[in-house]
C-alpha atoms as a PDB file:
ATOM      1  CA  UNK A   1       0.057   0.035  -0.174  1.00  0.00           C
ATOM      2  CA  UNK A   2       2.712   2.337   0.927  1.00  0.00           C
ATOM      3  CA  UNK A   3       4.261   1.755  -2.242  1.00  0.00           C
ATOM      4  CA  UNK A   4       1.505   2.483  -4.213  1.00  0.00           C
ATOM      5  CA  UNK A   5       0.634   5.807  -2.640  1.00  0.00           C
ATOM      6  CA  UNK A   6       4.403   7.042  -3.253  1.00  0.00           C
ATOM      7  CA  UNK A   7       4.133   5.861  -6.870  1.00  0.00           C
ATOM      8  CA  UNK A   8       0.782   8.220  -6.978  1.00  0.00           C
ATOM      9  CA  UNK A   9       2.301  11.008  -5.480  1.00  0.00           C
ATOM     10  CA  UNK A  10       5.548  10.901  -7.401  1.00  0.00           C
ATOM     11  CA  UNK A  11       3.199  10.203 -10.684  1.00  0.00           C
ATOM     12  CA  UNK A  12       1.162  13.624 -10.020  1.00  0.00           C
ATOM     13  CA  UNK A  13       4.074  15.597  -9.753  1.00  0.00           C
ATOM     14  CA  UNK A  14       5.750  14.334 -12.888  1.00  0.00           C
ATOM     15  CA  UNK A  15       2.678  14.414 -14.906  1.00  0.00           C
ATOM     16  CA  UNK A  16       1.327  17.857 -13.979  1.00  0.00           C
ATOM     17  CA  UNK A  17       1.303  20.572 -16.760  1.00  0.00           C
ATOM     18  CA  UNK A  18       0.424  24.305 -17.180  1.00  0.00           C
ATOM     19  CA  UNK A  19      -2.755  24.729 -19.236  1.00  0.00           C
ATOM     20  CA  UNK A  20      -2.989  27.897 -21.117  1.00  0.00           C
ATOM     21  CA  UNK A  21      -6.445  27.565 -22.865  1.00  0.00           C
ATOM     22  CA  UNK A  22      -9.585  26.779 -20.760  1.00  0.00           C
ATOM     23  CA  UNK A  23     -13.207  26.022 -21.558  1.00  0.00           C
ATOM     24  CA  UNK A  24     -15.786  28.429 -19.833  1.00  0.00           C
ATOM     25  CA  UNK A  25     -17.349  25.563 -17.800  1.00  0.00           C
ATOM     26  CA  UNK A  26     -16.652  26.141 -13.855  1.00  0.00           C
ATOM     27  CA  UNK A  27     -15.076  23.810 -11.617  1.00  0.00           C
ATOM     28  CA  UNK A  28     -17.396  22.213  -8.839  1.00  0.00           C
ATOM     29  CA  UNK A  29     -17.582  23.287  -5.577  1.00  0.00           C
ATOM     30  CA  UNK A  30     -16.107  20.280  -4.361  1.00  0.00           C
ATOM     31  CA  UNK A  31     -12.992  20.443  -6.315  1.00  0.00           C
ATOM     32  CA  UNK A  32     -12.358  24.133  -5.035  1.00  0.00           C
ATOM     33  CA  UNK A  33     -12.975  23.188  -1.713  1.00  0.00           C
ATOM     34  CA  UNK A  34     -10.433  20.032  -1.952  1.00  0.00           C
ATOM     35  CA  UNK A  35      -8.096  22.225  -3.629  1.00  0.00           C
ATOM     36  CA  UNK A  36      -8.304  25.104  -1.252  1.00  0.00           C
ATOM     37  CA  UNK A  37      -8.005  22.985   1.786  1.00  0.00           C
ATOM     38  CA  UNK A  38      -4.887  21.361   0.405  1.00  0.00           C
ATOM     39  CA  UNK A  39      -3.326  25.166   0.066  1.00  0.00           C
ATOM     40  CA  UNK A  40      -3.474  25.535   3.399  1.00  0.00           C
ATOM     41  CA  UNK A  41      -1.290  22.700   4.265  1.00  0.00           C
ATOM     42  CA  UNK A  42       1.450  23.535   2.463  1.00  0.00           C
ATOM     43  CA  UNK A  43       4.593  24.119   4.823  1.00  0.00           C
ATOM     44  CA  UNK A  44       5.078  27.558   6.311  1.00  0.00           C
ATOM     45  CA  UNK A  45       8.290  29.046   8.049  1.00  0.00           C
ATOM     46  CA  UNK A  46       7.930  28.182  11.505  1.00  0.00           C
ATOM     47  CA  UNK A  47       4.313  26.908  10.751  1.00  0.00           C
ATOM     48  CA  UNK A  48       3.415  30.675  10.998  1.00  0.00           C
ATOM     49  CA  UNK A  49       0.963  30.497   7.816  1.00  0.00           C
ATOM     50  CA  UNK A  50       1.538  33.833   6.309  1.00  0.00           C
ATOM     51  CA  UNK A  51      -0.123  33.445   3.402  1.00  0.00           C
ATOM     52  CA  UNK A  52      -3.758  34.183   2.159  1.00  0.00           C
ATOM     53  CA  UNK A  53      -5.746  32.543  -0.723  1.00  0.00           C
ATOM     54  CA  UNK A  54      -8.562  34.559  -2.667  1.00  0.00           C
ATOM     55  CA  UNK A  55     -10.695  32.488  -4.584  1.00  0.00           C
ATOM     56  CA  UNK A  56     -12.333  34.376  -7.131  1.00  0.00           C
ATOM     57  CA  UNK A  57     -14.847  33.210  -9.387  1.00  0.00           C
ATOM     58  CA  UNK A  58     -17.153  36.269 -10.291  1.00  0.00           C
ATOM     59  CA  UNK A  59     -16.387  36.868 -14.394  1.00  0.00           C
ATOM     60  CA  UNK A  60     -16.626  40.498 -13.863  1.00  0.00           C
ATOM     61  CA  UNK A  61     -13.876  40.683 -11.079  1.00  0.00           C
ATOM     62  CA  UNK A  62     -11.498  37.848 -12.616  1.00  0.00           C
ATOM     63  CA  UNK A  63     -11.697  40.482 -15.837  1.00  0.00           C
ATOM     64  CA  UNK A  64     -10.372  43.278 -13.854  1.00  0.00           C
ATOM     65  CA  UNK A  65      -7.760  41.394 -12.601  1.00  0.00           C
ATOM     66  CA  UNK A  66      -7.065  40.192 -15.992  1.00  0.00           C
ATOM     67  CA  UNK A  67      -6.835  43.588 -16.985  1.00  0.00           C
ATOM     68  CA  UNK A  68      -4.530  44.713 -14.163  1.00  0.00           C
ATOM     69  CA  UNK A  69      -2.001  41.693 -14.828  1.00  0.00           C
ATOM     70  CA  UNK A  70      -1.956  42.487 -18.639  1.00  0.00           C
ATOM     71  CA  UNK A  71      -1.334  46.055 -17.940  1.00  0.00           C
ATOM     72  CA  UNK A  72       1.963  45.159 -15.903  1.00  0.00           C
ATOM     73  CA  UNK A  73       3.008  43.432 -19.054  1.00  0.00           C
ATOM     74  CA  UNK A  74       2.189  46.447 -21.236  1.00  0.00           C
ATOM     75  CA  UNK A  75      -0.461  43.957 -22.951  1.00  0.00           C
ATOM     76  CA  UNK A  76      -4.349  43.956 -23.675  1.00  0.00           C
ATOM     77  CA  UNK A  77      -4.341  39.653 -24.015  1.00  0.00           C
ATOM     78  CA  UNK A  78      -5.902  37.519 -21.215  1.00  0.00           C
ATOM     79  CA  UNK A  79      -3.178  36.534 -19.133  1.00  0.00           C
ATOM     80  CA  UNK A  80      -5.884  33.942 -17.392  1.00  0.00           C
ATOM     81  CA  UNK A  81      -6.219  32.378 -20.622  1.00  0.00           C
ATOM     82  CA  UNK A  82     -10.239  32.100 -19.964  1.00  0.00           C
ATOM     83  CA  UNK A  83      -9.794  30.309 -16.666  1.00  0.00           C
ATOM     84  CA  UNK A  84     -13.146  30.706 -14.661  1.00  0.00           C
ATOM     85  CA  UNK A  85     -11.573  30.236 -11.610  1.00  0.00           C
ATOM     86  CA  UNK A  86      -8.333  32.342 -10.283  1.00  0.00           C
ATOM     87  CA  UNK A  87      -7.208  31.940  -6.937  1.00  0.00           C
ATOM     88  CA  UNK A  88      -4.733  34.926  -5.565  1.00  0.00           C
ATOM     89  CA  UNK A  89      -2.072  34.087  -3.214  1.00  0.00           C
ATOM     90  CA  UNK A  90      -0.927  36.687  -0.960  1.00  0.00           C
ATOM     91  CA  UNK A  91       1.473  36.687   2.060  1.00  0.00           C
ATOM     92  CA  UNK A  92       2.651  38.761   4.764  1.00  0.00           C
ATOM     93  CA  UNK A  93       5.808  40.560   4.509  1.00  0.00           C
ATOM     94  CA  UNK A  94       6.664  40.746   8.210  1.00  0.00           C
ATOM     95  CA  UNK A  95       7.355  37.120   8.178  1.00  0.00           C
ATOM     96  CA  UNK A  96      11.016  36.689   6.703  1.00  0.00           C
ATOM     97  CA  UNK A  97       9.742  33.764   4.811  1.00  0.00           C
ATOM     98  CA  UNK A  98       6.859  35.031   3.255  1.00  0.00           C
ATOM     99  CA  UNK A  99       7.699  34.519  -0.675  1.00  0.00           C
ATOM    100  CA  UNK A 100       8.769  30.939   0.086  1.00  0.00           C
ATOM    101  CA  UNK A 101       5.665  30.502   2.151  1.00  0.00           C
ATOM    102  CA  UNK A 102       3.388  31.730  -0.796  1.00  0.00           C
ATOM    103  CA  UNK A 103       5.283  29.815  -3.194  1.00  0.00           C
ATOM    104  CA  UNK A 104       4.732  26.677  -1.359  1.00  0.00           C
ATOM    105  CA  UNK A 105       1.038  27.251  -1.347  1.00  0.00           C
ATOM    106  CA  UNK A 106       0.910  27.723  -4.912  1.00  0.00           C
ATOM    107  CA  UNK A 107       2.860  24.436  -5.415  1.00  0.00           C
ATOM    108  CA  UNK A 108       0.205  22.848  -3.147  1.00  0.00           C
ATOM    109  CA  UNK A 109      -2.581  24.471  -5.082  1.00  0.00           C
ATOM    110  CA  UNK A 110      -1.157  23.298  -8.607  1.00  0.00           C
ATOM    111  CA  UNK A 111      -0.895  19.486  -7.267  1.00  0.00           C
ATOM    112  CA  UNK A 112      -4.104  19.447  -5.712  1.00  0.00           C
ATOM    113  CA  UNK A 113      -5.888  20.786  -8.829  1.00  0.00           C
ATOM    114  CA  UNK A 114      -4.170  18.030 -10.722  1.00  0.00           C
ATOM    115  CA  UNK A 115      -5.045  15.345  -8.246  1.00  0.00           C
ATOM    116  CA  UNK A 116      -8.747  16.373  -8.589  1.00  0.00           C
ATOM    117  CA  UNK A 117      -8.901  16.601 -12.378  1.00  0.00           C
ATOM    118  CA  UNK A 118      -8.600  20.097 -12.587  1.00  0.00           C
ATOM    119  CA  UNK A 119      -5.874  22.173 -14.958  1.00  0.00           C
ATOM    120  CA  UNK A 120      -3.980  24.794 -13.577  1.00  0.00           C
ATOM    121  CA  UNK A 121      -1.089  27.617 -14.287  1.00  0.00           C
ATOM    122  CA  UNK A 122       0.761  29.722 -12.159  1.00  0.00           C
ATOM    123  CA  UNK A 123       0.600  33.225 -13.237  1.00  0.00           C
ATOM    124  CA  UNK A 124       2.696  35.936 -12.131  1.00  0.00           C
ATOM    125  CA  UNK A 125       2.727  39.744 -11.678  1.00  0.00           C
ATOM    126  CA  UNK A 126       0.385  39.212  -8.623  1.00  0.00           C
ATOM    127  CA  UNK A 127       3.138  41.458  -6.751  1.00  0.00           C
ATOM    128  CA  UNK A 128       2.886  44.285  -9.448  1.00  0.00           C
ATOM    129  CA  UNK A 129      -0.752  44.261  -9.255  1.00  0.00           C
ATOM    130  CA  UNK A 130      -1.246  44.346  -5.675  1.00  0.00           C
ATOM    131  CA  UNK A 131       1.264  47.140  -5.068  1.00  0.00           C
ATOM    132  CA  UNK A 132      -1.177  49.623  -7.333  1.00  0.00           C
ATOM    133  CA  UNK A 133      -3.858  51.568  -5.810  1.00  0.00           C
ATOM    134  CA  UNK A 134      -6.186  49.776  -7.328  1.00  0.00           C
ATOM    135  CA  UNK A 135      -4.964  46.625  -6.094  1.00  0.00           C
ATOM    136  CA  UNK A 136      -4.580  48.128  -2.663  1.00  0.00           C
ATOM    137  CA  UNK A 137      -8.159  49.033  -2.897  1.00  0.00           C
ATOM    138  CA  UNK A 138      -9.327  45.237  -3.055  1.00  0.00           C
ATOM    139  CA  UNK A 139      -7.082  44.280  -0.830  1.00  0.00           C
ATOM    140  CA  UNK A 140      -9.114  46.920   1.745  1.00  0.00           C
ATOM    141  CA  UNK A 141     -12.476  45.284   0.188  1.00  0.00           C
ATOM    142  CA  UNK A 142     -11.172  41.935   0.763  1.00  0.00           C
ATOM    143  CA  UNK A 143     -10.338  42.606   4.577  1.00  0.00           C
ATOM    144  CA  UNK A 144      -6.651  41.963   3.808  1.00  0.00           C
ATOM    145  CA  UNK A 145      -3.891  44.145   5.154  1.00  0.00           C
ATOM    146  CA  UNK A 146      -2.637  46.293   2.322  1.00  0.00           C
ATOM    147  CA  UNK A 147       0.917  45.564   3.276  1.00  0.00           C
ATOM    148  CA  UNK A 148       0.405  42.079   2.134  1.00  0.00           C
ATOM    149  CA  UNK A 149       2.278  40.977  -1.170  1.00  0.00           C
ATOM    150  CA  UNK A 150       0.988  39.124  -4.260  1.00  0.00           C
ATOM    151  CA  UNK A 151       2.663  36.043  -4.780  1.00  0.00           C
ATOM    152  CA  UNK A 152       0.906  34.577  -7.515  1.00  0.00           C
ATOM    153  CA  UNK A 153      -2.473  33.564  -9.444  1.00  0.00           C
ATOM    154  CA  UNK A 154      -3.241  30.034  -9.599  1.00  0.00           C
ATOM    155  CA  UNK A 155      -5.691  29.614 -12.289  1.00  0.00           C
ATOM    156  CA  UNK A 156      -8.236  26.715 -12.525  1.00  0.00           C
ATOM    157  CA  UNK A 157     -10.527  25.192 -15.062  1.00  0.00           C
ATOM    158  CA  UNK A 158     -11.023  22.443 -17.692  1.00  0.00           C
ATOM    159  CA  UNK A 159      -8.611  22.725 -20.616  1.00  0.00           C
ATOM    160  CA  UNK A 160      -9.512  23.330 -24.089  1.00  0.00           C
ATOM    161  CA  UNK A 161      -6.522  22.079 -25.821  1.00  0.00           C
ATOM    162  CA  UNK A 162      -4.321  18.980 -25.825  1.00  0.00           C
ATOM    163  CA  UNK A 163      -2.622  17.952 -22.932  1.00  0.00           C
ATOM    164  CA  UNK A 164       1.162  19.104 -23.337  1.00  0.00           C
ATOM    165  CA  UNK A 165       3.799  16.427 -23.399  1.00  0.00           C
ATOM    166  CA  UNK A 166       6.611  17.056 -20.928  1.00  0.00           C
ATOM    167  CA  UNK A 167       9.603  19.308 -21.837  1.00  0.00           C
ATOM    168  CA  UNK A 168      13.021  17.437 -21.346  1.00  0.00           C
ATOM    169  CA  UNK A 169      14.896  17.699 -18.150  1.00  0.00           C
ATOM    170  CA  UNK A 170      17.753  19.900 -18.372  1.00  0.00           C
ATOM    171  CA  UNK A 171      21.372  17.916 -18.326  1.00  0.00           C
ATOM    172  CA  UNK A 172      22.928  18.501 -15.069  1.00  0.00           C
ATOM    173  CA  UNK A 173      19.806  19.390 -13.122  1.00  0.00           C
ATOM    174  CA  UNK A 174      21.156  17.539 -10.406  1.00  0.00           C
ATOM    175  CA  UNK A 175      24.504  18.140  -8.999  1.00  0.00           C
ATOM    176  CA  UNK A 176      25.688  15.748  -6.279  1.00  0.00           C
ATOM    177  CA  UNK A 177      28.701  16.662  -4.073  1.00  0.00           C
END
């Protein structure tokens, strides 16, 4: 039983892919809850749990965040690729490990999504979004301290494309000393 569990976890890590084209169909509440709960179990420095996860499924708010994110890139395209759910991970910069904490939460969200049959992708530029006045206004509206820093967006949905093959692993990825 233990060998099977190990193989399942390792296979999930190896088989998850970033998806960049989504159907409009919303993920289920059960899937969302499982993904969110998994994110709360990510390791954090000294167990202090500095991150927060904001779950967004309102199309108008996703569109607003998409435009904010695209503006950081100087683009007008949708950086969320039409995903119907966006999870924003923010973290308390008063904790020295806030970037690492938030990054571990993002990794847990991505793997949990894969485990429950939901496709995902990590989208950057949350830091710049929430440094803006518009971003700080959203933090206030959501009851999150304005000093929290955006770590990333975990977009969720069902892919509307072929499942990508893995890229070959680079040589010298691992150095043993």
